[in-house]
Amino acid sequence: MSLNANRTADAIYRSNPKNTLETRSDVHMRERDSGPTEVANTFDLASEGLTSCGIALRLSAKLKDPLVGFQFGRNPDKCDFPVGTHEPGRRVSNIHFRIYINQHCVIMIEDQSTNGTVVDNTLLKAKEKENNMAYMHTLQTGQKIVLTGSNANDEYTFMVWVPNRSDDAELAYQRNVTRFFLQQAAYRDEVRARKGRQNANPVRYLSMRNASSLTN
């Protein structure tokens, strides 16, 4: 990961350590793209006072919106993983991208930004969706997710790592995925029911909301 990405991981570690995983300095991951990139070493991290850790996407995490997955961006109220919250250039969007598991259990990334997200040298841009241009991509170990800046020092470069699992661990993971999808379905039904009640009696619903806001 780049130094900016490590700063992001460290901030997440300090605010919500369950969303991170501490890493060892002797672990090296082979990149799928061997192109040049700014990679922070342990000396850089120590001199910056940063914890050597990665961002962990756990199926048990409490997400802002379980139906869209893990959201990354500048707005901490909307994103599970804040990125670039103090960046003066504001190249990172409020919600920049999301990572989710599709119906085929494939890990996906989808851009939701203004400036785009680069994966494997492919620029993903949400606003090009209607023009049949790339806006989502599969994720595998060794890929780089890059949020570009005006120069290399402004970029955020994240490395993707999907852990290898033993047979028993794979079975446990599949059970967790099934539980995750069931929870998503239950949450989706709850949202639909809530909207149905609101549409059936909007005046009463708004009155209840106002009363709740006054008493809380």
N, C-alpha and C. Protein backbone atom coordinates (compact mmCIF):
# COMPACT_ATOMS: atom_id res chain seq x y z
N MET A 1 0.85 -1.19 0.00
CA MET A 1 0.00 0.00 0.00
C MET A 1 0.88 1.25 0.00
N SER A 2 0.37 2.32 -0.57
CA SER A 2 1.08 3.58 -0.55
C SER A 2 1.01 4.19 0.84
N LEU A 3 1.80 5.25 1.07
CA LEU A 3 1.82 5.89 2.38
C LEU A 3 0.45 6.46 2.73
N ASN A 4 -0.22 7.07 1.75
CA ASN A 4 -1.57 7.61 2.00
C ASN A 4 -2.54 6.50 2.38
N ALA A 5 -2.44 5.36 1.71
CA ALA A 5 -3.31 4.23 2.03
C ALA A 5 -3.02 3.72 3.43
N ASN A 6 -1.74 3.71 3.82
CA ASN A 6 -1.39 3.27 5.17
C ASN A 6 -1.90 4.26 6.22
N ARG A 7 -1.87 5.54 5.88
CA ARG A 7 -2.45 6.54 6.81
C ARG A 7 -3.94 6.27 7.00
N THR A 8 -4.61 5.92 5.91
CA THR A 8 -6.04 5.60 5.98
C THR A 8 -6.28 4.38 6.86
N ALA A 9 -5.48 3.32 6.65
CA ALA A 9 -5.63 2.10 7.44
C ALA A 9 -5.36 2.37 8.91
N ASP A 10 -4.37 3.21 9.20
CA ASP A 10 -4.04 3.53 10.59
C ASP A 10 -5.19 4.29 11.25
N ALA A 11 -5.81 5.23 10.52
CA ALA A 11 -6.94 5.99 11.07
C ALA A 11 -8.11 5.07 11.36
N ILE A 12 -8.36 4.11 10.48
CA ILE A 12 -9.44 3.15 10.69
C ILE A 12 -9.11 2.26 11.89
N TYR A 13 -7.84 1.87 12.00
CA TYR A 13 -7.39 1.05 13.13
C TYR A 13 -7.65 1.75 14.46
N ARG A 14 -7.40 3.06 14.51
CA ARG A 14 -7.55 3.81 15.75
C ARG A 14 -9.02 4.04 16.10
N SER A 15 -9.87 4.15 15.09
CA SER A 15 -11.29 4.42 15.34
C SER A 15 -12.11 3.13 15.46
N ASN A 16 -11.73 2.11 14.71
CA ASN A 16 -12.48 0.85 14.71
C ASN A 16 -11.53 -0.31 14.38
N PRO A 17 -10.76 -0.77 15.36
CA PRO A 17 -9.74 -1.80 15.08
C PRO A 17 -10.29 -3.10 14.51
N LYS A 18 -11.58 -3.38 14.74
CA LYS A 18 -12.16 -4.61 14.19
C LYS A 18 -12.20 -4.59 12.67
N ASN A 19 -12.10 -3.41 12.08
CA ASN A 19 -12.12 -3.30 10.63
C ASN A 19 -10.73 -3.32 10.02
N THR A 20 -9.73 -3.73 10.81
CA THR A 20 -8.36 -3.81 10.31
C THR A 20 -7.74 -5.14 10.73
N LEU A 21 -6.58 -5.40 10.14
CA LEU A 21 -5.83 -6.61 10.47
C LEU A 21 -4.35 -6.23 10.50
N GLU A 22 -3.71 -6.39 11.66
CA GLU A 22 -2.30 -6.04 11.75
C GLU A 22 -1.47 -6.97 10.87
N THR A 23 -0.44 -6.41 10.22
CA THR A 23 0.38 -7.16 9.28
C THR A 23 1.81 -7.27 9.78
N ARG A 24 2.51 -8.27 9.25
CA ARG A 24 3.92 -8.47 9.59
C ARG A 24 4.79 -7.92 8.48
N SER A 25 5.93 -7.37 8.85
CA SER A 25 6.81 -6.74 7.86
C SER A 25 7.47 -7.75 6.94
N ASP A 26 7.49 -9.05 7.33
CA ASP A 26 8.16 -10.05 6.50
C ASP A 26 7.21 -10.72 5.51
N VAL A 27 5.97 -10.24 5.44
CA VAL A 27 5.01 -10.81 4.50
C VAL A 27 5.00 -9.95 3.25
N HIS A 28 5.26 -10.58 2.10
CA HIS A 28 5.27 -9.86 0.84
C HIS A 28 4.27 -10.51 -0.11
N MET A 29 3.57 -9.69 -0.84
CA MET A 29 2.55 -10.18 -1.74
C MET A 29 2.93 -9.85 -3.18
N ARG A 30 2.81 -10.83 -4.04
CA ARG A 30 3.15 -10.62 -5.44
C ARG A 30 2.03 -9.85 -6.13
N GLU A 31 2.41 -8.79 -6.82
CA GLU A 31 1.43 -7.98 -7.51
C GLU A 31 1.10 -8.58 -8.87
N ARG A 32 -0.17 -8.48 -9.26
CA ARG A 32 -0.56 -8.89 -10.60
C ARG A 32 -0.03 -7.91 -11.63
N ASP A 33 0.01 -6.63 -11.27
CA ASP A 33 0.56 -5.59 -12.14
C ASP A 33 1.89 -5.16 -11.56
N SER A 34 2.96 -5.37 -12.30
CA SER A 34 4.30 -5.08 -11.78
C SER A 34 4.74 -3.66 -12.09
N GLY A 35 3.81 -2.79 -12.49
CA GLY A 35 4.15 -1.42 -12.82
C GLY A 35 4.61 -0.66 -11.58
N PRO A 36 5.23 0.51 -11.79
CA PRO A 36 5.76 1.28 -10.66
C PRO A 36 4.66 1.80 -9.76
N THR A 37 4.92 1.81 -8.48
CA THR A 37 3.98 2.37 -7.52
C THR A 37 4.73 2.76 -6.26
N GLU A 38 4.22 3.71 -5.53
CA GLU A 38 4.83 4.14 -4.27
C GLU A 38 4.36 3.19 -3.18
N VAL A 39 5.27 2.40 -2.63
CA VAL A 39 4.93 1.44 -1.58
C VAL A 39 5.66 1.83 -0.31
N ALA A 40 4.92 1.99 0.75
CA ALA A 40 5.52 2.39 2.02
C ALA A 40 6.16 1.18 2.70
N ASN A 41 7.40 1.35 3.22
CA ASN A 41 8.04 0.27 3.96
C ASN A 41 7.87 0.50 5.45
N THR A 42 8.35 -0.44 6.23
CA THR A 42 8.14 -0.36 7.69
C THR A 42 8.83 0.86 8.29
N PHE A 43 9.95 1.29 7.69
CA PHE A 43 10.62 2.50 8.20
C PHE A 43 9.74 3.73 8.00
N ASP A 44 9.12 3.83 6.81
CA ASP A 44 8.21 4.94 6.54
C ASP A 44 7.08 4.97 7.57
N LEU A 45 6.50 3.80 7.83
CA LEU A 45 5.37 3.73 8.76
C LEU A 45 5.81 4.10 10.17
N ALA A 46 6.97 3.58 10.61
CA ALA A 46 7.44 3.87 11.96
C ALA A 46 7.74 5.35 12.12
N SER A 47 8.35 5.97 11.11
CA SER A 47 8.69 7.38 11.20
C SER A 47 7.44 8.25 11.21
N GLU A 48 6.35 7.75 10.63
CA GLU A 48 5.08 8.48 10.61
C GLU A 48 4.23 8.17 11.84
N GLY A 49 4.68 7.22 12.66
CA GLY A 49 3.90 6.82 13.83
C GLY A 49 2.68 6.02 13.46
N LEU A 50 2.75 5.27 12.35
CA LEU A 50 1.60 4.51 11.87
C LEU A 50 1.71 3.04 12.24
N THR A 51 0.56 2.42 12.46
CA THR A 51 0.50 0.99 12.72
C THR A 51 0.51 0.24 11.39
N SER A 52 1.31 -0.80 11.30
CA SER A 52 1.35 -1.61 10.08
C SER A 52 0.14 -2.53 10.07
N CYS A 53 -0.86 -2.16 9.28
CA CYS A 53 -2.09 -2.94 9.27
C CYS A 53 -2.78 -2.80 7.92
N GLY A 54 -3.70 -3.70 7.67
CA GLY A 54 -4.51 -3.64 6.45
C GLY A 54 -5.97 -3.46 6.82
N ILE A 55 -6.76 -3.07 5.85
CA ILE A 55 -8.20 -2.91 6.04
C ILE A 55 -8.87 -4.26 5.82
N ALA A 56 -9.63 -4.70 6.80
CA ALA A 56 -10.26 -6.03 6.74
C ALA A 56 -11.75 -5.89 6.47
N LEU A 57 -12.21 -6.56 5.42
CA LEU A 57 -13.64 -6.56 5.09
C LEU A 57 -14.25 -7.84 5.66
N ARG A 58 -14.87 -7.72 6.81
CA ARG A 58 -15.42 -8.88 7.50
C ARG A 58 -16.92 -8.97 7.25
N LEU A 59 -17.40 -10.18 7.00
CA LEU A 59 -18.83 -10.37 6.76
C LEU A 59 -19.66 -10.03 8.00
N SER A 60 -19.03 -10.05 9.15
CA SER A 60 -19.73 -9.75 10.40
C SER A 60 -19.77 -8.26 10.72
N ALA A 61 -19.13 -7.43 9.88
CA ALA A 61 -19.06 -5.99 10.15
C ALA A 61 -20.45 -5.35 10.09
N LYS A 62 -20.65 -4.34 10.93
CA LYS A 62 -21.89 -3.58 10.92
C LYS A 62 -21.75 -2.47 9.88
N LEU A 63 -22.43 -2.62 8.75
CA LEU A 63 -22.28 -1.69 7.63
C LEU A 63 -23.30 -0.57 7.69
N LYS A 64 -22.94 0.57 7.10
CA LYS A 64 -23.86 1.70 7.01
C LYS A 64 -25.11 1.29 6.23
N ASP A 65 -24.89 0.58 5.13
CA ASP A 65 -26.00 0.08 4.30
C ASP A 65 -25.66 -1.34 3.86
N PRO A 66 -26.17 -2.35 4.56
CA PRO A 66 -25.83 -3.74 4.24
C PRO A 66 -26.19 -4.14 2.81
N LEU A 67 -27.10 -3.43 2.17
CA LEU A 67 -27.54 -3.82 0.83
C LEU A 67 -26.54 -3.43 -0.25
N VAL A 68 -25.65 -2.48 0.04
CA VAL A 68 -24.69 -2.05 -0.98
C VAL A 68 -23.27 -2.54 -0.70
N GLY A 69 -23.01 -3.04 0.51
CA GLY A 69 -21.70 -3.59 0.82
C GLY A 69 -20.81 -2.61 1.55
N PHE A 70 -19.50 -2.76 1.36
CA PHE A 70 -18.48 -1.98 2.07
C PHE A 70 -18.19 -0.72 1.28
N GLN A 71 -18.48 0.45 1.86
CA GLN A 71 -18.34 1.71 1.14
C GLN A 71 -17.10 2.48 1.62
N PHE A 72 -16.37 3.03 0.65
CA PHE A 72 -15.16 3.80 0.91
C PHE A 72 -15.34 5.21 0.36
N GLY A 73 -14.93 6.23 1.12
CA GLY A 73 -15.03 7.60 0.63
C GLY A 73 -14.75 8.62 1.70
N ARG A 74 -14.92 9.88 1.34
CA ARG A 74 -14.53 10.99 2.21
C ARG A 74 -15.52 11.25 3.33
N ASN A 75 -16.78 10.87 3.13
CA ASN A 75 -17.82 11.18 4.13
C ASN A 75 -17.94 10.05 5.15
N PRO A 76 -17.48 10.26 6.39
CA PRO A 76 -17.52 9.19 7.40
C PRO A 76 -18.93 8.82 7.83
N ASP A 77 -19.90 9.71 7.59
CA ASP A 77 -21.29 9.40 7.95
C ASP A 77 -21.92 8.42 6.97
N LYS A 78 -21.40 8.38 5.75
CA LYS A 78 -21.96 7.51 4.72
C LYS A 78 -21.09 6.28 4.44
N CYS A 79 -19.81 6.35 4.80
CA CYS A 79 -18.87 5.29 4.42
C CYS A 79 -18.43 4.47 5.63
N ASP A 80 -18.28 3.18 5.42
CA ASP A 80 -17.79 2.28 6.45
C ASP A 80 -16.29 2.47 6.66
N PHE A 81 -15.59 2.87 5.59
CA PHE A 81 -14.14 3.04 5.62
C PHE A 81 -13.80 4.43 5.06
N PRO A 82 -13.63 5.43 5.94
CA PRO A 82 -13.33 6.79 5.48
C PRO A 82 -11.95 6.87 4.82
N VAL A 83 -11.90 7.54 3.68
CA VAL A 83 -10.66 7.73 2.92
C VAL A 83 -10.58 9.20 2.52
N GLY A 84 -9.44 9.83 2.77
CA GLY A 84 -9.23 11.20 2.33
C GLY A 84 -10.09 12.22 3.03
N THR A 85 -10.44 11.98 4.30
CA THR A 85 -11.33 12.89 5.01
C THR A 85 -10.69 14.27 5.23
N HIS A 86 -9.36 14.31 5.28
CA HIS A 86 -8.68 15.59 5.50
C HIS A 86 -7.91 16.04 4.27
N GLU A 87 -8.22 15.46 3.13
CA GLU A 87 -7.51 15.81 1.90
C GLU A 87 -7.98 17.17 1.40
N PRO A 88 -7.09 18.15 1.24
CA PRO A 88 -7.50 19.49 0.82
C PRO A 88 -8.02 19.53 -0.61
N GLY A 89 -7.48 18.66 -1.49
CA GLY A 89 -7.89 18.70 -2.89
C GLY A 89 -9.25 18.11 -3.16
N ARG A 90 -9.78 17.35 -2.20
CA ARG A 90 -11.10 16.73 -2.31
C ARG A 90 -11.27 15.92 -3.60
N ARG A 91 -10.22 15.20 -3.99
CA ARG A 91 -10.33 14.32 -5.16
C ARG A 91 -11.07 13.04 -4.81
N VAL A 92 -11.11 12.73 -3.52
CA VAL A 92 -11.87 11.56 -3.07
C VAL A 92 -13.32 11.97 -2.88
N SER A 93 -14.24 11.24 -3.49
CA SER A 93 -15.67 11.59 -3.42
C SER A 93 -16.26 11.19 -2.07
N ASN A 94 -17.43 11.73 -1.76
CA ASN A 94 -18.12 11.38 -0.51
C ASN A 94 -18.26 9.87 -0.37
N ILE A 95 -18.75 9.21 -1.43
CA ILE A 95 -18.70 7.75 -1.53
C ILE A 95 -17.92 7.48 -2.82
N HIS A 96 -16.70 6.98 -2.69
CA HIS A 96 -15.84 6.85 -3.87
C HIS A 96 -16.03 5.52 -4.58
N PHE A 97 -16.05 4.44 -3.81
CA PHE A 97 -16.33 3.13 -4.40
C PHE A 97 -16.90 2.21 -3.34
N ARG A 98 -17.47 1.12 -3.80
CA ARG A 98 -17.96 0.11 -2.88
C ARG A 98 -17.42 -1.24 -3.30
N ILE A 99 -17.24 -2.12 -2.32
CA ILE A 99 -16.83 -3.51 -2.55
C ILE A 99 -17.94 -4.39 -2.00
N TYR A 100 -18.33 -5.37 -2.78
CA TYR A 100 -19.45 -6.23 -2.37
C TYR A 100 -19.27 -7.63 -2.96
N ILE A 101 -20.07 -8.57 -2.49
CA ILE A 101 -20.08 -9.93 -3.02
C ILE A 101 -21.35 -10.10 -3.84
N ASN A 102 -21.19 -10.47 -5.12
CA ASN A 102 -22.39 -10.62 -5.95
C ASN A 102 -23.05 -11.98 -5.73
N GLN A 103 -24.13 -12.24 -6.49
CA GLN A 103 -24.91 -13.46 -6.28
C GLN A 103 -24.13 -14.73 -6.60
N HIS A 104 -22.99 -14.58 -7.30
CA HIS A 104 -22.16 -15.74 -7.63
C HIS A 104 -20.98 -15.87 -6.67
N CYS A 105 -21.03 -15.13 -5.55
CA CYS A 105 -19.98 -15.13 -4.53
C CYS A 105 -18.65 -14.60 -5.06
N VAL A 106 -18.71 -13.72 -6.05
CA VAL A 106 -17.51 -13.09 -6.61
C VAL A 106 -17.36 -11.72 -5.95
N ILE A 107 -16.14 -11.39 -5.52
CA ILE A 107 -15.88 -10.10 -4.90
C ILE A 107 -15.75 -9.05 -6.00
N MET A 108 -16.54 -7.97 -5.88
CA MET A 108 -16.61 -6.95 -6.91
C MET A 108 -16.28 -5.57 -6.32
N ILE A 109 -15.79 -4.68 -7.18
CA ILE A 109 -15.63 -3.28 -6.82
C ILE A 109 -16.41 -2.45 -7.84
N GLU A 110 -17.11 -1.43 -7.37
CA GLU A 110 -17.89 -0.56 -8.25
C GLU A 110 -17.58 0.89 -7.93
N ASP A 111 -17.17 1.64 -8.93
CA ASP A 111 -16.88 3.06 -8.74
C ASP A 111 -18.18 3.84 -8.55
N GLN A 112 -18.15 4.81 -7.64
CA GLN A 112 -19.30 5.68 -7.41
C GLN A 112 -18.85 7.13 -7.28
N SER A 113 -17.75 7.46 -7.95
CA SER A 113 -17.10 8.74 -7.73
C SER A 113 -17.20 9.67 -8.93
N THR A 114 -16.61 10.85 -8.76
CA THR A 114 -16.51 11.81 -9.85
C THR A 114 -15.25 11.58 -10.67
N ASN A 115 -14.13 11.30 -9.99
CA ASN A 115 -12.84 11.19 -10.68
C ASN A 115 -12.48 9.78 -11.09
N GLY A 116 -13.20 8.78 -10.60
CA GLY A 116 -12.96 7.41 -11.02
C GLY A 116 -12.02 6.65 -10.09
N THR A 117 -12.00 5.34 -10.29
CA THR A 117 -11.16 4.42 -9.52
C THR A 117 -10.42 3.53 -10.51
N VAL A 118 -9.12 3.34 -10.30
CA VAL A 118 -8.31 2.54 -11.22
C VAL A 118 -8.07 1.16 -10.60
N VAL A 119 -8.37 0.10 -11.37
CA VAL A 119 -8.09 -1.27 -10.97
C VAL A 119 -7.40 -1.96 -12.13
N ASP A 120 -6.19 -2.49 -11.88
CA ASP A 120 -5.43 -3.15 -12.95
C ASP A 120 -5.30 -2.27 -14.18
N ASN A 121 -4.97 -1.01 -13.96
CA ASN A 121 -4.78 -0.02 -15.04
C ASN A 121 -6.06 0.26 -15.82
N THR A 122 -7.20 -0.20 -15.31
CA THR A 122 -8.49 0.09 -15.94
C THR A 122 -9.20 1.16 -15.13
N LEU A 123 -9.55 2.27 -15.79
CA LEU A 123 -10.25 3.34 -15.10
C LEU A 123 -11.74 3.05 -15.06
N LEU A 124 -12.27 2.93 -13.86
CA LEU A 124 -13.70 2.70 -13.66
C LEU A 124 -14.35 4.04 -13.35
N LYS A 125 -15.44 4.35 -14.05
CA LYS A 125 -16.13 5.62 -13.82
C LYS A 125 -17.63 5.38 -13.79
N ALA A 126 -18.24 5.70 -12.66
CA ALA A 126 -19.67 5.46 -12.48
C ALA A 126 -20.50 6.23 -13.50
N LYS A 127 -20.06 7.45 -13.85
CA LYS A 127 -20.87 8.27 -14.75
C LYS A 127 -20.83 7.77 -16.20
N GLU A 128 -19.94 6.79 -16.47
CA GLU A 128 -19.89 6.21 -17.81
C GLU A 128 -20.74 4.96 -17.94
N LYS A 129 -21.47 4.62 -16.87
CA LYS A 129 -22.29 3.41 -16.86
C LYS A 129 -23.29 3.40 -18.01
N GLU A 130 -23.94 4.53 -18.24
CA GLU A 130 -24.95 4.60 -19.30
C GLU A 130 -24.33 4.54 -20.70
N ASN A 131 -23.02 4.76 -20.80
CA ASN A 131 -22.32 4.69 -22.09
C ASN A 131 -21.66 3.35 -22.31
N ASN A 132 -22.05 2.36 -21.47
CA ASN A 132 -21.50 1.00 -21.57
C ASN A 132 -19.99 0.96 -21.37
N MET A 133 -19.46 1.89 -20.58
CA MET A 133 -18.04 1.89 -20.24
C MET A 133 -17.86 1.20 -18.88
N ALA A 134 -16.61 0.84 -18.58
CA ALA A 134 -16.33 0.10 -17.35
C ALA A 134 -16.63 0.95 -16.12
N TYR A 135 -17.36 0.38 -15.18
CA TYR A 135 -17.61 1.05 -13.92
C TYR A 135 -17.50 0.07 -12.74
N MET A 136 -17.34 -1.24 -13.04
CA MET A 136 -17.12 -2.23 -11.99
C MET A 136 -16.08 -3.25 -12.46
N HIS A 137 -15.53 -4.01 -11.49
CA HIS A 137 -14.44 -4.94 -11.81
C HIS A 137 -14.39 -6.02 -10.73
N THR A 138 -13.98 -7.21 -11.11
CA THR A 138 -13.75 -8.27 -10.11
C THR A 138 -12.47 -7.97 -9.34
N LEU A 139 -12.36 -8.49 -8.12
CA LEU A 139 -11.17 -8.29 -7.31
C LEU A 139 -10.52 -9.62 -6.97
N GLN A 140 -9.18 -9.66 -7.11
CA GLN A 140 -8.40 -10.85 -6.78
C GLN A 140 -7.12 -10.42 -6.08
N THR A 141 -6.48 -11.37 -5.42
CA THR A 141 -5.23 -11.09 -4.73
C THR A 141 -4.19 -10.53 -5.69
N GLY A 142 -3.48 -9.50 -5.23
CA GLY A 142 -2.40 -8.90 -6.01
C GLY A 142 -2.82 -7.71 -6.84
N GLN A 143 -4.10 -7.46 -6.95
CA GLN A 143 -4.55 -6.30 -7.72
C GLN A 143 -4.36 -5.01 -6.90
N LYS A 144 -4.24 -3.91 -7.63
CA LYS A 144 -4.10 -2.61 -6.99
C LYS A 144 -5.35 -1.77 -7.25
N ILE A 145 -5.85 -1.15 -6.19
CA ILE A 145 -6.93 -0.17 -6.30
C ILE A 145 -6.30 1.19 -6.10
N VAL A 146 -6.41 2.06 -7.09
CA VAL A 146 -5.72 3.36 -7.05
C VAL A 146 -6.73 4.49 -7.18
N LEU A 147 -6.65 5.42 -6.23
CA LEU A 147 -7.37 6.68 -6.33
C LEU A 147 -6.34 7.72 -6.73
N THR A 148 -6.42 8.19 -7.96
CA THR A 148 -5.37 9.04 -8.51
C THR A 148 -5.42 10.44 -7.90
N GLY A 149 -4.26 11.11 -7.93
CA GLY A 149 -4.15 12.48 -7.46
C GLY A 149 -3.43 13.32 -8.49
N SER A 150 -3.15 14.56 -8.14
CA SER A 150 -2.45 15.45 -9.08
C SER A 150 -1.02 15.01 -9.29
N ASN A 151 -0.45 14.26 -8.33
CA ASN A 151 0.88 13.66 -8.48
C ASN A 151 0.91 12.38 -7.66
N ALA A 152 2.04 11.64 -7.77
CA ALA A 152 2.14 10.33 -7.12
C ALA A 152 1.97 10.41 -5.61
N ASN A 153 2.42 11.51 -5.01
CA ASN A 153 2.31 11.64 -3.55
C ASN A 153 0.88 11.80 -3.07
N ASP A 154 -0.01 12.21 -3.97
CA ASP A 154 -1.41 12.41 -3.60
C ASP A 154 -2.25 11.15 -3.80
N GLU A 155 -1.69 10.13 -4.42
CA GLU A 155 -2.47 8.93 -4.74
C GLU A 155 -2.66 8.03 -3.53
N TYR A 156 -3.75 7.27 -3.58
CA TYR A 156 -4.02 6.22 -2.61
C TYR A 156 -3.94 4.89 -3.37
N THR A 157 -3.00 4.05 -2.98
CA THR A 157 -2.85 2.75 -3.64
C THR A 157 -3.05 1.65 -2.62
N PHE A 158 -4.11 0.87 -2.80
CA PHE A 158 -4.43 -0.24 -1.92
C PHE A 158 -4.14 -1.55 -2.64
N MET A 159 -3.55 -2.50 -1.94
CA MET A 159 -3.32 -3.84 -2.48
C MET A 159 -4.41 -4.78 -2.01
N VAL A 160 -4.92 -5.59 -2.92
CA VAL A 160 -5.99 -6.55 -2.59
C VAL A 160 -5.36 -7.86 -2.14
N TRP A 161 -5.87 -8.40 -1.05
CA TRP A 161 -5.42 -9.70 -0.58
C TRP A 161 -6.63 -10.52 -0.16
N VAL A 162 -6.84 -11.64 -0.86
CA VAL A 162 -7.90 -12.59 -0.51
C VAL A 162 -7.19 -13.81 0.09
N PRO A 163 -7.41 -14.13 1.35
CA PRO A 163 -6.64 -15.20 2.01
C PRO A 163 -6.94 -16.58 1.43
N ASN A 164 -5.87 -17.40 1.36
CA ASN A 164 -6.06 -18.81 1.01
C ASN A 164 -6.63 -19.53 2.22
N ARG A 165 -7.56 -20.44 1.97
CA ARG A 165 -8.23 -21.12 3.09
C ARG A 165 -8.07 -22.63 2.96
N SER A 166 -7.94 -23.26 4.11
CA SER A 166 -7.96 -24.72 4.14
C SER A 166 -9.37 -25.19 3.83
N ASP A 167 -9.55 -26.49 3.65
CA ASP A 167 -10.88 -27.03 3.35
C ASP A 167 -11.88 -26.68 4.46
N ASP A 168 -11.45 -26.83 5.71
CA ASP A 168 -12.35 -26.52 6.83
C ASP A 168 -12.67 -25.03 6.87
N ALA A 169 -11.64 -24.20 6.63
CA ALA A 169 -11.86 -22.75 6.64
C ALA A 169 -12.76 -22.33 5.49
N GLU A 170 -12.65 -23.01 4.35
CA GLU A 170 -13.50 -22.68 3.21
C GLU A 170 -14.95 -23.01 3.51
N LEU A 171 -15.19 -24.14 4.17
CA LEU A 171 -16.55 -24.50 4.55
C LEU A 171 -17.13 -23.47 5.53
N ALA A 172 -16.32 -23.05 6.48
CA ALA A 172 -16.77 -22.04 7.44
C ALA A 172 -17.07 -20.73 6.72
N TYR A 173 -16.23 -20.38 5.75
CA TYR A 173 -16.45 -19.15 4.98
C TYR A 173 -17.76 -19.23 4.20
N GLN A 174 -18.03 -20.38 3.57
CA GLN A 174 -19.27 -20.53 2.81
C GLN A 174 -20.49 -20.41 3.72
N ARG A 175 -20.38 -20.95 4.93
CA ARG A 175 -21.48 -20.81 5.89
C ARG A 175 -21.69 -19.34 6.26
N ASN A 176 -20.57 -18.62 6.43
CA ASN A 176 -20.66 -17.20 6.76
C ASN A 176 -21.27 -16.40 5.61
N VAL A 177 -20.91 -16.76 4.37
CA VAL A 177 -21.47 -16.08 3.21
C VAL A 177 -22.98 -16.33 3.14
N THR A 178 -23.40 -17.58 3.37
CA THR A 178 -24.83 -17.90 3.36
C THR A 178 -25.57 -17.09 4.42
N ARG A 179 -24.99 -17.02 5.62
CA ARG A 179 -25.60 -16.24 6.70
C ARG A 179 -25.66 -14.76 6.32
N PHE A 180 -24.62 -14.27 5.66
CA PHE A 180 -24.56 -12.87 5.22
C PHE A 180 -25.68 -12.57 4.23
N PHE A 181 -25.89 -13.46 3.25
CA PHE A 181 -26.95 -13.26 2.26
C PHE A 181 -28.33 -13.32 2.90
N LEU A 182 -28.51 -14.22 3.87
CA LEU A 182 -29.80 -14.32 4.56
C LEU A 182 -30.08 -13.04 5.35
N GLN A 183 -29.06 -12.50 5.99
CA GLN A 183 -29.23 -11.25 6.73
C GLN A 183 -29.55 -10.10 5.78
N GLN A 184 -28.90 -10.10 4.60
CA GLN A 184 -29.20 -9.08 3.59
C GLN A 184 -30.66 -9.16 3.16
N ALA A 185 -31.13 -10.39 2.91
CA ALA A 185 -32.51 -10.57 2.48
C ALA A 185 -33.48 -10.10 3.55
N ALA A 186 -33.20 -10.41 4.80
CA ALA A 186 -34.06 -9.98 5.90
C ALA A 186 -34.08 -8.46 6.01
N TYR A 187 -32.91 -7.84 5.85
CA TYR A 187 -32.83 -6.38 5.91
C TYR A 187 -33.58 -5.75 4.74
N ARG A 188 -33.48 -6.36 3.55
CA ARG A 188 -34.19 -5.86 2.37
C ARG A 188 -35.71 -5.92 2.61
N ASP A 189 -36.17 -7.03 3.19
CA ASP A 189 -37.60 -7.15 3.49
C ASP A 189 -38.05 -6.11 4.50
N GLU A 190 -37.18 -5.84 5.48
CA GLU A 190 -37.50 -4.85 6.50
C GLU A 190 -37.63 -3.45 5.88
N VAL A 191 -36.69 -3.12 4.98
CA VAL A 191 -36.73 -1.81 4.31
C VAL A 191 -38.00 -1.68 3.47
N ARG A 192 -38.35 -2.76 2.74
CA ARG A 192 -39.57 -2.72 1.92
C ARG A 192 -40.81 -2.55 2.78
N ALA A 193 -40.85 -3.25 3.90
CA ALA A 193 -42.01 -3.15 4.79
C ALA A 193 -42.12 -1.74 5.36
N ARG A 194 -40.98 -1.15 5.72
CA ARG A 194 -40.97 0.20 6.27
C ARG A 194 -41.48 1.21 5.24
N LYS A 195 -41.02 1.05 3.99
CA LYS A 195 -41.47 1.94 2.92
C LYS A 195 -42.96 1.74 2.64
N GLY A 196 -43.41 0.48 2.75
CA GLY A 196 -44.82 0.21 2.54
C GLY A 196 -45.69 0.88 3.57
N ARG A 197 -45.27 0.85 4.84
CA ARG A 197 -46.03 1.51 5.90
C ARG A 197 -46.03 3.02 5.71
N GLN A 198 -44.88 3.54 5.26
CA GLN A 198 -44.78 4.99 5.03
C GLN A 198 -45.70 5.42 3.89
N ASN A 199 -45.72 4.65 2.82
CA ASN A 199 -46.56 5.00 1.67
C ASN A 199 -48.05 4.82 1.97
N ALA A 200 -48.37 3.86 2.84
CA ALA A 200 -49.78 3.60 3.17
C ALA A 200 -50.37 4.73 4.00
N ASN A 201 -49.57 5.30 4.91
CA ASN A 201 -50.08 6.37 5.76
C ASN A 201 -48.96 7.37 6.03
N PRO A 202 -48.60 8.18 5.01
CA PRO A 202 -47.46 9.09 5.14
C PRO A 202 -47.62 10.12 6.26
N VAL A 203 -48.84 10.62 6.51
CA VAL A 203 -49.05 11.63 7.54
C VAL A 203 -48.75 11.05 8.92
N ARG A 204 -49.31 9.86 9.19
CA ARG A 204 -49.08 9.21 10.48
C ARG A 204 -47.61 8.86 10.65
N TYR A 205 -46.97 8.41 9.55
CA TYR A 205 -45.56 8.04 9.63
C TYR A 205 -44.69 9.24 9.98
N LEU A 206 -44.96 10.39 9.34
CA LEU A 206 -44.18 11.58 9.62
C LEU A 206 -44.43 12.08 11.04
N SER A 207 -45.68 11.97 11.51
CA SER A 207 -45.98 12.38 12.88
C SER A 207 -45.22 11.54 13.89
N MET A 208 -45.13 10.23 13.61
CA MET A 208 -44.40 9.34 14.52
C MET A 208 -42.92 9.68 14.50
N ARG A 209 -42.38 10.00 13.33
CA ARG A 209 -40.96 10.37 13.23
C ARG A 209 -40.68 11.64 14.01
N ASN A 210 -41.56 12.63 13.87
CA ASN A 210 -41.36 13.89 14.58
C ASN A 210 -41.44 13.70 16.08
N ALA A 211 -42.39 12.88 16.52
CA ALA A 211 -42.53 12.61 17.95
C ALA A 211 -41.29 11.89 18.47
N SER A 212 -40.78 10.96 17.68
CA SER A 212 -39.59 10.21 18.08
C SER A 212 -38.39 11.14 18.20
N SER A 213 -38.23 12.07 17.25
CA SER A 213 -37.09 12.97 17.28
C SER A 213 -37.13 13.92 18.47
N LEU A 214 -38.37 14.22 18.95
CA LEU A 214 -38.50 15.11 20.10
C LEU A 214 -38.17 14.41 21.41
N THR A 215 -38.45 13.10 21.48
CA THR A 215 -38.25 12.37 22.73
C THR A 215 -36.86 11.77 22.84
N ASN A 216 -36.15 11.62 21.71
CA ASN A 216 -34.82 10.98 21.76
C ASN A 216 -33.74 11.98 22.12
